[in-house]
Amino acid sequence: MAHTIGRVGDLRIASDKAVNYSSSAIYLAVSDDDHVLHLCSPMAVLSNSSIFVETNVRGVQVLLEACRKSGVRFQQISTDEVYGSCVEGSFAGTNALGPSSPSSRVLERRRKSQRDVFLLRERLYHADCDSALPSSLSQEEGNRMRVLFLATQGADRRAFLLANELAKIGHTTTLVSSAKSNSLKVGVSREGSVTRVSLPRFQRTYDYAGYLVRTFFMPWFVLTRADVIHFFSPHQPSVSLSFMLAHILNRITKEMALVVDWDDQWGRGGLSIEHGALVHGGATFLEERIPLRAHAVTAATIMLVKRAEAIGVPSHRVFWIPHGSEAFAEQGPIAKHEARRILNIPDTNVLILHMGRFTTPFYGRIVIGCAEKLLKDYHHIHLLLLGDIGRTLGSETQLPKDRVMAFFASERLLPLYLSAADIALMPLEDTPFERARLPLRLCDYMAAGLPVVASPIGEVGRVVARYGVGVLVRKNTAEEFGNSVAELINDEELRLKLGRNGQETAEHIFSWKKSALKLSELYDRSCSNV
């Protein structure tokens, strides 16, 4: 028997017996793929039928569970030992079991006890991912829930975009987070399809006073009636205290499903190390303890799925819920020539894009060094820098001002600039935080059809290589970034191919709509297990 996992034409043999591998290993193997092809079955050995049952029942169950969690299509190809011989066509899950070999007839009674499993397999996995969800979640009259999102400002966008998509399929969603701008008040507003509750915020970064105030306000919201409470950034005291209160209440009422989301690594060498040893130690403790008590854990990256399992969260309670594109959450990209016409950018220019902040000098060195090389060698190249980069583009740089655009782009204009660009830069520093994360801007790049030149670091490196959406530099230096960009400039066919791969990947995998559908199914299962 072989469990073959991967894309058609690029198949990989995962194991001879799935049961010999942990369910987490099988899940990680199939989570990126489009299709799992399950081939044949072992011959039954009358003297040791346990081998047959372990492989055919338990092994298949491991694969089915992994496919269900990751939304991957499952295809069964059986021998005559299940349904019997078929001269032409194929069997359906509703066909009677008719094993035809002598050894199979001995085990026929045992196999018939698995009939419901086979029928469920046919119904759920012989269809596309969208229809693979329970029918109650695909129809207007299905299960609708009251979902409360508790988030901090770092995870606010992920929480909102998921909540907004969940609301579109009928759930009632409320997001409690910090205010978008400095405010001393608690405010309630409607954003998209989500009810937003804004808690006080005193400054944009290092808002320690705001953290303390929100730690007082946020736990009160767990007293509201909700079917599911989804906690984002468990390392934050306001979120962790809210979770602990909800956990205590739930032991009495047993009314709510408690789900924890993990989208960045703050503890254990993560981003909180910038705030000193005391804060880092506290963040590590909370980040590694709170998820253990949740009904389910959602992770934005495969790296964080592994991390959750490493701290002791059972694999069947960890789910990969990837990001989607924020810039194109409501509509797709605009045709490049039309975007450039609106922005008054000549079609002959090659536009290199970098988005986001330069949080450390490393990013500035890579992007500015890469740009200096390219602008010197190619006269038709222009550099577009969107974000907080003013302090980096100081007098010490030698970039020609007439070939560099550097500013903040509004939410309305951002899709235009993404659509107008030709190549995107994604430098990353090799740290635990960067290895575990997947920046939202990578999803924007893919949705815009931009080939990405990226550092070979962590989750970003995995996604770029796995889905063929860009080029990974051989060395994490400005010179190598410049060389890789130059290769794409000179190879338009490759550039277009990588861009198409990115758009397909954004449509089918890194999509807020698809992540919300997976989340909806997860909520339904979690509520049934409360």
Protein backbone atom coordinates (compact mmCIF):
# COMPACT_ATOMS: atom_id res chain seq x y z
CA MET A 1 0.00 0.00 0.00
CA ALA A 2 1.24 3.52 -0.72
CA HIS A 3 -0.15 6.81 0.48
CA THR A 4 0.85 9.19 -2.30
CA ILE A 5 0.77 12.86 -1.41
CA GLY A 6 1.36 15.81 -3.71
CA ARG A 7 0.42 17.43 -6.98
CA VAL A 8 -0.22 15.28 -10.04
CA GLY A 9 3.05 15.10 -11.93
CA ASP A 10 5.06 15.83 -8.80
CA LEU A 11 4.00 13.08 -6.42
CA ARG A 12 5.80 12.17 -3.26
CA ILE A 13 5.48 8.89 -1.35
CA ALA A 14 4.74 9.87 2.25
CA SER A 15 4.80 6.42 3.83
CA ASP A 16 4.06 2.78 3.20
CA LYS A 17 1.70 2.77 6.14
CA ALA A 18 0.20 6.04 7.38
CA VAL A 19 -0.44 4.42 10.74
CA ASN A 20 3.30 4.16 11.35
CA TYR A 21 3.57 7.94 11.18
CA SER A 22 2.13 10.40 13.68
CA SER A 23 -1.07 12.13 12.62
CA SER A 24 0.75 15.47 12.92
CA ALA A 25 3.43 14.36 10.46
CA ILE A 26 0.82 13.24 7.94
CA TYR A 27 -1.12 16.51 8.43
CA LEU A 28 1.98 18.60 7.76
CA ALA A 29 2.72 16.48 4.69
CA VAL A 30 -0.69 17.03 3.11
CA SER A 31 -1.53 20.56 4.33
CA ASP A 32 0.11 22.30 1.36
CA ASP A 33 -1.17 19.95 -1.32
CA ASP A 34 -4.20 19.97 -3.60
CA HIS A 35 -5.00 16.29 -3.62
CA VAL A 36 -4.29 13.06 -1.75
CA LEU A 37 -4.44 9.89 -3.84
CA HIS A 38 -4.93 6.79 -1.70
CA LEU A 39 -3.96 3.70 -3.68
CA CYS A 40 -4.88 0.07 -3.14
CA SER A 41 -4.65 -1.92 0.08
CA PRO A 42 -2.43 -4.67 1.50
CA MET A 43 -3.31 -8.33 1.10
CA ALA A 44 -5.05 -9.66 4.17
CA VAL A 45 -2.93 -12.13 6.13
CA LEU A 46 -5.18 -14.64 7.83
CA SER A 47 -2.63 -15.41 10.52
CA ASN A 48 -2.21 -11.75 11.43
CA SER A 49 -5.31 -9.81 10.44
CA SER A 50 -4.37 -6.94 12.76
CA ILE A 51 -1.88 -5.68 10.14
CA PHE A 52 -4.69 -5.53 7.60
CA VAL A 53 -7.07 -3.69 9.95
CA GLU A 54 -4.41 -1.27 11.21
CA THR A 55 -3.48 -0.22 7.69
CA ASN A 56 -6.89 -0.25 6.00
CA VAL A 57 -8.86 1.29 8.85
CA ARG A 58 -6.52 3.20 11.13
CA GLY A 59 -4.14 4.29 8.36
CA VAL A 60 -6.98 5.59 6.19
CA GLN A 61 -8.49 7.37 9.20
CA VAL A 62 -5.22 9.24 9.78
CA LEU A 63 -5.20 10.39 6.16
CA LEU A 64 -8.88 11.37 6.22
CA GLU A 65 -8.42 13.43 9.37
CA ALA A 66 -5.39 15.22 7.89
CA CYS A 67 -7.31 15.98 4.68
CA ARG A 68 -10.35 17.19 6.59
CA LYS A 69 -8.28 19.57 8.70
CA SER A 70 -6.42 21.06 5.74
CA GLY A 71 -9.28 21.09 3.21
CA VAL A 72 -7.44 18.82 0.79
CA ARG A 73 -9.36 16.62 -1.66
CA PHE A 74 -9.14 12.88 -0.95
CA GLN A 75 -9.37 10.29 -3.74
CA GLN A 76 -9.68 6.56 -3.01
CA ILE A 77 -8.57 3.94 -5.56
CA SER A 78 -9.50 0.48 -4.30
CA THR A 79 -8.78 -3.08 -5.36
CA ASP A 80 -11.44 -5.76 -5.68
CA GLU A 81 -11.04 -6.40 -1.95
CA VAL A 82 -13.47 -3.57 -1.10
CA TYR A 83 -16.27 -3.29 -3.67
CA GLY A 84 -15.46 -6.27 -5.86
CA SER A 85 -14.58 -6.23 -9.54
CA CYS A 86 -15.63 -3.40 -11.84
CA VAL A 87 -15.51 -4.06 -15.60
CA GLU A 88 -15.96 -0.41 -16.55
CA GLY A 89 -16.63 2.89 -14.79
CA SER A 90 -16.09 3.23 -11.04
CA PHE A 91 -17.81 2.55 -7.73
CA ALA A 92 -19.57 5.16 -5.59
CA GLY A 93 -19.75 5.31 -1.82
CA THR A 94 -23.35 4.12 -1.98
CA ASN A 95 -22.44 0.84 -3.72
CA ALA A 96 -22.69 -2.34 -1.67
CA LEU A 97 -19.43 -3.78 -0.41
CA GLY A 98 -18.58 -6.90 -2.43
CA PRO A 99 -15.04 -8.13 -1.73
CA SER A 100 -14.11 -10.86 -4.18
CA SER A 101 -10.90 -12.45 -2.87
CA PRO A 102 -11.02 -15.34 -0.37
CA SER A 103 -9.01 -13.49 2.25
CA SER A 104 -11.34 -10.50 2.00
CA ARG A 105 -14.43 -12.63 2.61
CA VAL A 106 -12.95 -13.74 5.92
CA LEU A 107 -12.79 -10.10 6.99
CA GLU A 108 -15.97 -9.01 5.24
CA ARG A 109 -17.98 -8.76 8.45
CA ARG A 110 -15.33 -6.52 10.01
CA ARG A 111 -15.19 -4.35 6.93
CA LYS A 112 -18.94 -3.84 6.83
CA SER A 113 -18.73 -2.26 10.26
CA GLN A 114 -16.72 0.50 8.56
CA ARG A 115 -19.42 1.21 5.99
CA ASP A 116 -20.35 4.56 7.53
CA VAL A 117 -16.72 5.65 7.33
CA PHE A 118 -16.58 4.83 3.62
CA LEU A 119 -19.85 6.65 2.95
CA LEU A 120 -18.66 9.70 4.85
CA ARG A 121 -15.39 9.63 2.91
CA GLU A 122 -17.22 9.62 -0.41
CA ARG A 123 -19.53 12.43 0.61
CA LEU A 124 -16.89 14.74 2.06
CA TYR A 125 -13.77 14.13 0.03
CA HIS A 126 -14.86 13.35 -3.53
CA ALA A 127 -15.77 17.00 -4.01
CA ASP A 128 -13.97 20.33 -4.17
CA CYS A 129 -12.85 21.94 -0.92
CA ASP A 130 -15.73 24.41 -0.76
CA SER A 131 -18.37 21.69 -0.95
CA ALA A 132 -16.39 19.38 1.33
CA LEU A 133 -17.69 21.23 4.36
CA PRO A 134 -20.78 19.90 6.12
CA SER A 135 -23.88 20.87 4.20
CA SER A 136 -25.16 22.90 7.14
CA LEU A 137 -22.31 25.35 6.55
CA SER A 138 -22.87 25.62 2.81
CA GLN A 139 -26.56 26.49 2.93
CA GLU A 140 -28.50 29.54 4.05
CA GLU A 141 -30.39 27.63 6.74
CA GLY A 142 -27.23 26.15 8.30
CA ASN A 143 -25.77 26.58 11.78
CA ARG A 144 -25.19 30.24 12.57
CA MET A 145 -23.18 31.26 15.62
CA ARG A 146 -22.39 34.29 17.73
CA VAL A 147 -18.63 34.65 17.56
CA LEU A 148 -16.65 37.05 19.77
CA PHE A 149 -13.13 37.99 18.66
CA LEU A 150 -10.74 39.37 21.30
CA ALA A 151 -7.58 40.78 19.72
CA THR A 152 -4.71 43.18 20.32
CA GLN A 153 -3.56 45.77 17.82
CA GLY A 154 -0.86 43.46 16.42
CA ALA A 155 -3.42 40.81 15.38
CA ASP A 156 -6.26 43.23 14.69
CA ARG A 157 -6.22 42.97 10.89
CA ARG A 158 -6.20 39.17 10.80
CA ALA A 159 -9.02 39.03 13.33
CA PHE A 160 -11.13 41.58 11.44
CA LEU A 161 -10.68 40.03 8.00
CA LEU A 162 -11.66 36.59 9.30
CA ALA A 163 -14.60 38.03 11.24
CA ASN A 164 -15.81 39.94 8.19
CA GLU A 165 -15.81 36.81 5.98
CA LEU A 166 -17.55 34.79 8.69
CA ALA A 167 -20.24 37.45 8.90
CA LYS A 168 -20.81 37.18 5.13
CA ILE A 169 -21.77 33.51 5.52
CA GLY A 170 -24.25 34.28 8.28
CA HIS A 171 -22.41 34.28 11.60
CA THR A 172 -22.80 37.20 14.00
CA THR A 173 -19.31 38.53 14.69
CA THR A 174 -18.05 41.09 17.20
CA LEU A 175 -14.43 42.24 17.38
CA VAL A 176 -13.02 43.76 20.57
CA SER A 177 -9.64 45.40 20.06
CA SER A 178 -7.71 48.60 20.62
CA ALA A 179 -8.79 51.77 18.85
CA LYS A 180 -7.23 52.46 15.44
CA SER A 181 -5.98 55.86 16.63
CA ASN A 182 -5.27 57.37 20.01
CA SER A 183 -8.46 57.55 22.08
CA LEU A 184 -9.45 57.60 25.75
CA LYS A 185 -12.94 56.23 25.12
CA VAL A 186 -14.60 52.87 24.52
CA GLY A 187 -16.39 53.08 21.19
CA VAL A 188 -18.78 50.85 19.24
CA SER A 189 -19.03 51.04 15.45
CA ARG A 190 -19.92 48.99 12.40
CA GLU A 191 -17.04 48.10 10.07
CA GLY A 192 -17.94 46.03 7.05
CA SER A 193 -20.16 43.26 8.40
CA VAL A 194 -18.53 43.27 11.85
CA THR A 195 -19.48 45.04 15.07
CA ARG A 196 -16.25 46.60 16.36
CA VAL A 197 -15.68 47.59 19.98
CA SER A 198 -12.66 49.91 20.29
CA LEU A 199 -10.80 50.04 23.61
CA PRO A 200 -8.60 52.98 24.74
CA ARG A 201 -5.26 53.49 23.07
CA PHE A 202 -2.66 56.10 24.01
CA GLN A 203 0.12 55.79 21.43
CA ARG A 204 0.94 53.86 18.26
CA THR A 205 3.83 51.68 19.53
CA TYR A 206 5.05 50.62 22.96
CA ASP A 207 1.62 51.51 24.33
CA TYR A 208 2.27 50.15 27.83
CA ALA A 209 -0.36 52.37 29.48
CA GLY A 210 -2.88 51.22 26.88
CA TYR A 211 -2.01 47.58 27.56
CA LEU A 212 -2.80 48.07 31.25
CA VAL A 213 -6.10 49.83 30.58
CA ARG A 214 -7.21 47.23 28.05
CA THR A 215 -6.30 44.45 30.50
CA PHE A 216 -8.98 45.92 32.77
CA PHE A 217 -11.63 46.38 30.07
CA MET A 218 -11.32 43.30 27.84
CA PRO A 219 -12.15 40.48 30.33
CA TRP A 220 -15.63 41.93 30.91
CA PHE A 221 -16.61 41.02 27.37
CA VAL A 222 -16.37 37.26 28.04
CA LEU A 223 -19.54 37.70 30.11
CA THR A 224 -21.52 38.44 26.94
CA ARG A 225 -23.47 35.62 25.32
CA ALA A 226 -21.41 33.93 22.61
CA ASP A 227 -21.17 30.46 21.12
CA VAL A 228 -17.46 30.86 20.34
CA ILE A 229 -14.79 33.18 21.74
CA HIS A 230 -11.68 33.41 19.56
CA PHE A 231 -8.61 34.82 21.38
CA PHE A 232 -5.84 36.40 19.28
CA SER A 233 -2.27 36.93 20.59
CA PRO A 234 -2.39 34.89 23.82
CA HIS A 235 0.92 36.42 24.98
CA GLN A 236 -0.86 39.72 25.71
CA PRO A 237 -2.10 40.05 29.34
CA SER A 238 -5.47 41.47 28.25
CA VAL A 239 -6.14 38.43 26.05
CA SER A 240 -4.69 35.82 28.41
CA LEU A 241 -6.62 37.18 31.42
CA SER A 242 -9.81 37.18 29.35
CA PHE A 243 -9.15 33.57 28.37
CA MET A 244 -8.57 32.45 31.95
CA LEU A 245 -11.83 34.06 33.08
CA ALA A 246 -13.74 32.47 30.18
CA HIS A 247 -12.13 29.10 30.95
CA ILE A 248 -13.30 29.27 34.58
CA LEU A 249 -16.83 30.29 33.58
CA ASN A 250 -16.98 27.58 30.94
CA ARG A 251 -16.22 24.87 33.49
CA ILE A 252 -19.52 25.83 35.10
CA THR A 253 -21.75 26.71 32.15
CA LYS A 254 -20.14 24.62 29.37
CA GLU A 255 -21.74 26.95 26.83
CA MET A 256 -18.82 28.36 24.83
CA ALA A 257 -16.09 26.99 22.59
CA LEU A 258 -12.75 28.66 23.38
CA VAL A 259 -10.35 28.97 20.42
CA VAL A 260 -6.85 30.51 20.52
CA ASP A 261 -5.17 32.00 17.45
CA TRP A 262 -1.41 32.13 16.92
CA ASP A 263 -0.16 34.30 14.06
CA ASP A 264 3.25 35.49 15.29
CA GLN A 265 5.90 34.16 17.65
CA TRP A 266 6.41 36.59 20.52
CA GLY A 267 7.92 34.32 23.17
CA ARG A 268 10.88 31.93 23.08
CA GLY A 269 13.19 34.26 21.15
CA GLY A 270 10.34 36.04 19.36
CA LEU A 271 9.50 39.72 19.05
CA SER A 272 8.93 40.39 22.78
CA ILE A 273 12.66 40.01 23.35
CA GLU A 274 12.91 43.68 22.31
CA HIS A 275 10.98 44.65 25.46
CA GLY A 276 13.40 43.19 27.99
CA ALA A 277 13.85 39.91 29.85
CA LEU A 278 10.84 40.34 32.16
CA VAL A 279 8.36 41.01 29.37
CA HIS A 280 9.89 38.30 27.20
CA GLY A 281 9.67 35.72 29.99
CA GLY A 282 6.02 36.60 30.65
CA ALA A 283 5.14 36.47 26.96
CA THR A 284 6.81 33.06 26.61
CA PHE A 285 4.92 31.67 29.60
CA LEU A 286 1.51 32.89 28.42
CA GLU A 287 2.09 31.96 24.77
CA GLU A 288 2.98 28.38 25.72
CA ARG A 289 0.35 27.83 28.45
CA ILE A 290 -2.88 29.40 27.23
CA PRO A 291 -3.21 27.27 24.03
CA LEU A 292 -3.01 24.04 26.08
CA ARG A 293 -6.41 24.79 27.64
CA ALA A 294 -8.26 25.80 24.47
CA HIS A 295 -10.75 23.61 22.64
CA ALA A 296 -8.84 24.35 19.44
CA VAL A 297 -5.80 26.32 18.28
CA THR A 298 -5.62 28.09 14.92
CA ALA A 299 -2.21 28.94 13.48
CA ALA A 300 -1.42 31.26 10.59
CA THR A 301 1.63 29.29 9.44
CA ILE A 302 2.83 25.70 9.28
CA MET A 303 5.80 26.75 11.42
CA LEU A 304 3.40 27.77 14.19
CA VAL A 305 1.42 24.54 13.75
CA LYS A 306 4.65 22.70 14.56
CA ARG A 307 5.34 25.02 17.47
CA ALA A 308 1.89 24.45 18.97
CA GLU A 309 2.37 20.69 18.78
CA ALA A 310 5.86 21.02 20.26
CA ILE A 311 4.50 22.70 23.41
CA GLY A 312 2.00 19.88 23.89
CA VAL A 313 -1.21 20.83 22.06
CA PRO A 314 -2.66 17.58 20.61
CA SER A 315 -2.37 17.53 16.83
CA HIS A 316 -6.11 17.00 16.32
CA ARG A 317 -6.73 20.36 18.03
CA VAL A 318 -4.33 22.41 15.89
CA PHE A 319 -5.56 23.84 12.58
CA TRP A 320 -3.79 25.77 9.84
CA ILE A 321 -5.85 28.87 9.00
CA PRO A 322 -3.67 30.88 6.58
CA HIS A 323 -3.81 34.59 5.84
CA GLY A 324 -5.31 36.05 2.69
CA SER A 325 -4.78 39.27 0.79
CA GLU A 326 -5.86 42.42 2.61
CA ALA A 327 -5.54 44.77 -0.37
CA PHE A 328 -7.68 42.51 -2.57
CA ALA A 329 -10.05 41.18 0.09
CA GLU A 330 -13.09 42.70 -1.64
CA GLN A 331 -12.04 42.73 -5.32
CA GLY A 332 -9.31 41.35 -7.54
CA PRO A 333 -6.34 43.21 -9.02
CA ILE A 334 -6.70 45.77 -11.78
CA ALA A 335 -5.14 45.31 -15.21
CA LYS A 336 -1.57 46.62 -15.13
CA HIS A 337 -1.93 49.03 -18.04
CA GLU A 338 -5.10 50.49 -16.50
CA ALA A 339 -3.47 50.90 -13.07
CA ARG A 340 -0.49 52.62 -14.65
CA ARG A 341 -2.74 54.90 -16.68
CA ILE A 342 -4.51 56.02 -13.50
CA LEU A 343 -1.22 56.51 -11.62
CA ASN A 344 0.50 58.12 -14.63
CA ILE A 345 3.31 55.53 -14.72
CA PRO A 346 4.77 54.78 -18.20
CA ASP A 347 4.32 51.22 -19.45
CA THR A 348 8.01 51.06 -20.35
CA ASN A 349 9.13 51.37 -16.72
CA VAL A 350 9.92 48.30 -14.62
CA LEU A 351 8.56 48.95 -11.14
CA ILE A 352 10.20 47.22 -8.15
CA LEU A 353 8.01 47.24 -5.02
CA HIS A 354 8.68 46.96 -1.31
CA MET A 355 5.90 47.42 1.26
CA GLY A 356 5.95 47.76 5.03
CA ARG A 357 8.23 49.21 7.68
CA PHE A 358 11.98 48.84 8.03
CA THR A 359 11.85 47.64 11.64
CA THR A 360 15.62 47.04 11.84
CA PRO A 361 18.62 48.45 9.90
CA PHE A 362 18.90 45.06 8.13
CA TYR A 363 15.87 45.76 5.93
CA GLY A 364 17.15 49.15 4.94
CA ARG A 365 20.53 47.76 3.95
CA ILE A 366 19.00 45.06 1.78
CA VAL A 367 16.41 47.20 -0.02
CA ILE A 368 18.58 50.30 -0.46
CA GLY A 369 21.64 48.27 -1.46
CA CYS A 370 19.60 46.27 -3.97
CA ALA A 371 18.07 49.45 -5.39
CA GLU A 372 21.43 51.20 -5.77
CA LYS A 373 22.73 48.32 -7.88
CA LEU A 374 19.62 48.06 -10.07
CA LEU A 375 19.12 51.78 -10.66
CA LYS A 376 22.73 52.05 -11.76
CA ASP A 377 22.58 49.12 -14.18
CA TYR A 378 19.07 49.64 -15.62
CA HIS A 379 17.81 53.06 -16.66
CA HIS A 380 14.15 52.00 -17.00
CA ILE A 381 13.82 50.69 -13.43
CA HIS A 382 11.95 52.65 -10.76
CA LEU A 383 11.64 51.81 -7.07
CA LEU A 384 8.35 52.03 -5.19
CA LEU A 385 8.59 52.02 -1.37
CA LEU A 386 5.26 52.01 0.47
CA GLY A 387 5.40 52.41 4.24
CA ASP A 388 7.39 53.95 7.05
CA ILE A 389 10.74 54.34 5.35
CA GLY A 390 11.46 58.07 5.67
CA ARG A 391 14.20 57.69 8.29
CA THR A 392 15.97 55.07 6.14
CA LEU A 393 15.90 57.17 2.96
CA GLY A 394 18.08 59.85 4.44
CA SER A 395 20.90 61.91 3.05
CA GLU A 396 23.29 58.95 3.30
CA THR A 397 21.65 57.13 0.37
CA GLN A 398 22.65 57.78 -3.22
CA LEU A 399 19.28 56.92 -4.77
CA PRO A 400 18.18 59.29 -7.54
CA LYS A 401 15.06 61.02 -6.26
CA ASP A 402 13.38 61.08 -9.68
CA ARG A 403 13.38 57.27 -9.83
CA VAL A 404 12.17 56.52 -6.31
CA MET A 405 8.63 56.87 -4.97
CA ALA A 406 8.44 56.61 -1.18
CA PHE A 407 5.24 57.32 0.78
CA PHE A 408 2.26 55.84 2.59
CA ALA A 409 -0.46 54.64 0.24
CA SER A 410 -4.09 54.85 1.30
CA GLU A 411 -6.27 51.74 1.35
CA ARG A 412 -7.96 53.04 -1.80
CA LEU A 413 -4.71 53.50 -3.74
CA LEU A 414 -2.82 50.44 -2.48
CA PRO A 415 -4.49 47.98 -4.92
CA LEU A 416 -3.54 50.32 -7.79
CA TYR A 417 0.15 50.38 -6.88
CA LEU A 418 0.22 46.62 -6.36
CA SER A 419 -1.40 46.10 -9.76
CA ALA A 420 1.05 48.51 -11.42
CA ALA A 421 4.23 46.88 -10.05
CA ASP A 422 6.34 44.24 -11.79
CA ILE A 423 8.43 42.58 -9.04
CA ALA A 424 8.14 42.57 -5.24
CA LEU A 425 10.91 42.39 -2.63
CA MET A 426 10.55 40.30 0.55
CA PRO A 427 13.76 40.48 2.65
CA LEU A 428 13.68 38.80 6.06
CA GLU A 429 16.13 38.66 8.92
CA ASP A 430 16.96 35.18 10.21
CA THR A 431 15.33 35.35 13.65
CA PRO A 432 12.78 33.09 15.43
CA PHE A 433 10.10 35.75 14.90
CA GLU A 434 10.73 36.07 11.16
CA ARG A 435 11.01 32.32 10.63
CA ALA A 436 7.59 31.67 12.14
CA ARG A 437 5.56 34.44 10.47
CA LEU A 438 3.96 35.02 7.09
CA PRO A 439 3.62 38.80 6.48
CA LEU A 440 0.27 39.86 5.06
CA ARG A 441 2.06 41.70 2.27
CA LEU A 442 3.23 38.40 0.78
CA CYS A 443 -0.42 37.45 0.27
CA ASP A 444 -0.99 40.86 -1.38
CA TYR A 445 1.97 40.25 -3.69
CA MET A 446 0.64 36.84 -4.71
CA ALA A 447 -2.90 38.11 -5.27
CA ALA A 448 -1.53 40.91 -7.46
CA GLY A 449 0.38 38.39 -9.58
CA LEU A 450 3.78 39.80 -8.58
CA PRO A 451 6.80 37.46 -8.64
CA VAL A 452 8.56 37.72 -5.29
CA VAL A 453 12.28 37.88 -4.61
CA ALA A 454 12.59 36.67 -1.01
CA SER A 455 15.01 35.58 1.69
CA PRO A 456 15.23 31.79 2.12
CA ILE A 457 13.90 32.12 5.67
CA GLY A 458 11.24 30.09 7.50
CA GLU A 459 7.60 30.16 6.43
CA VAL A 460 8.13 32.73 3.69
CA GLY A 461 10.87 30.60 2.15
CA ARG A 462 8.64 27.53 2.39
CA VAL A 463 5.68 29.22 0.68
CA VAL A 464 7.74 30.80 -2.11
CA ALA A 465 9.48 27.50 -2.90
CA ARG A 466 6.47 25.23 -2.38
CA TYR A 467 4.06 27.14 -4.60
CA GLY A 468 6.56 28.51 -7.11
CA VAL A 469 5.57 32.16 -6.59
CA GLY A 470 9.03 33.69 -6.71
CA VAL A 471 12.78 33.34 -6.37
CA LEU A 472 14.74 32.69 -3.17
CA VAL A 473 18.11 34.41 -2.98
CA ARG A 474 21.13 32.15 -2.42
CA LYS A 475 22.61 34.51 0.19
CA ASN A 476 20.68 37.01 2.27
CA THR A 477 22.58 40.03 0.93
CA ALA A 478 21.74 43.16 -1.06
CA GLU A 479 23.94 41.98 -3.93
CA GLU A 480 22.10 38.65 -4.23
CA PHE A 481 18.73 40.42 -4.12
CA GLY A 482 19.92 42.66 -6.94
CA ASN A 483 21.14 39.68 -8.99
CA SER A 484 17.84 37.80 -8.55
CA VAL A 485 15.77 40.84 -9.53
CA ALA A 486 17.98 41.32 -12.59
CA GLU A 487 17.32 37.71 -13.63
CA LEU A 488 13.56 38.33 -13.52
CA ILE A 489 13.90 41.60 -15.41
CA ASN A 490 15.67 39.78 -18.22
CA ASP A 491 13.26 36.80 -18.25
CA GLU A 492 9.74 38.06 -18.83
CA GLU A 493 8.36 34.56 -19.41
CA LEU A 494 9.55 33.38 -15.99
CA ARG A 495 8.26 36.57 -14.41
CA LEU A 496 4.78 36.01 -15.81
CA LYS A 497 4.77 32.32 -14.86
CA LEU A 498 5.67 33.06 -11.23
CA GLY A 499 3.01 35.77 -11.15
CA ARG A 500 0.34 33.35 -12.42
CA ASN A 501 1.38 30.80 -9.80
CA GLY A 502 0.99 33.47 -7.15
CA GLN A 503 -2.51 34.39 -8.22
CA GLU A 504 -3.62 30.76 -8.31
CA THR A 505 -2.12 30.17 -4.86
CA ALA A 506 -3.83 33.26 -3.45
CA GLU A 507 -7.16 32.20 -4.93
CA HIS A 508 -7.13 28.59 -3.77
CA ILE A 509 -5.09 28.57 -0.55
CA PHE A 510 -4.25 31.99 0.87
CA SER A 511 -7.81 33.31 0.79
CA TRP A 512 -9.80 34.88 3.63
CA LYS A 513 -12.98 33.36 2.22
CA LYS A 514 -11.59 29.82 2.24
CA SER A 515 -10.00 30.32 5.67
CA ALA A 516 -13.35 31.54 7.03
CA LEU A 517 -15.10 28.44 5.67
CA LYS A 518 -12.53 26.22 7.39
CA LEU A 519 -12.96 28.27 10.57
CA SER A 520 -16.73 27.92 10.39
CA GLU A 521 -16.42 24.14 10.28
CA LEU A 522 -13.95 24.25 13.16
CA TYR A 523 -16.37 26.30 15.27
CA ASP A 524 -19.15 23.83 14.56
CA ARG A 525 -17.01 20.90 15.69
CA SER A 526 -15.66 22.75 18.73
CA CYS A 527 -19.15 23.69 19.92
CA SER A 528 -20.28 20.09 19.63
CA ASN A 529 -17.36 19.05 21.87
CA VAL A 530 -17.95 21.61 24.65
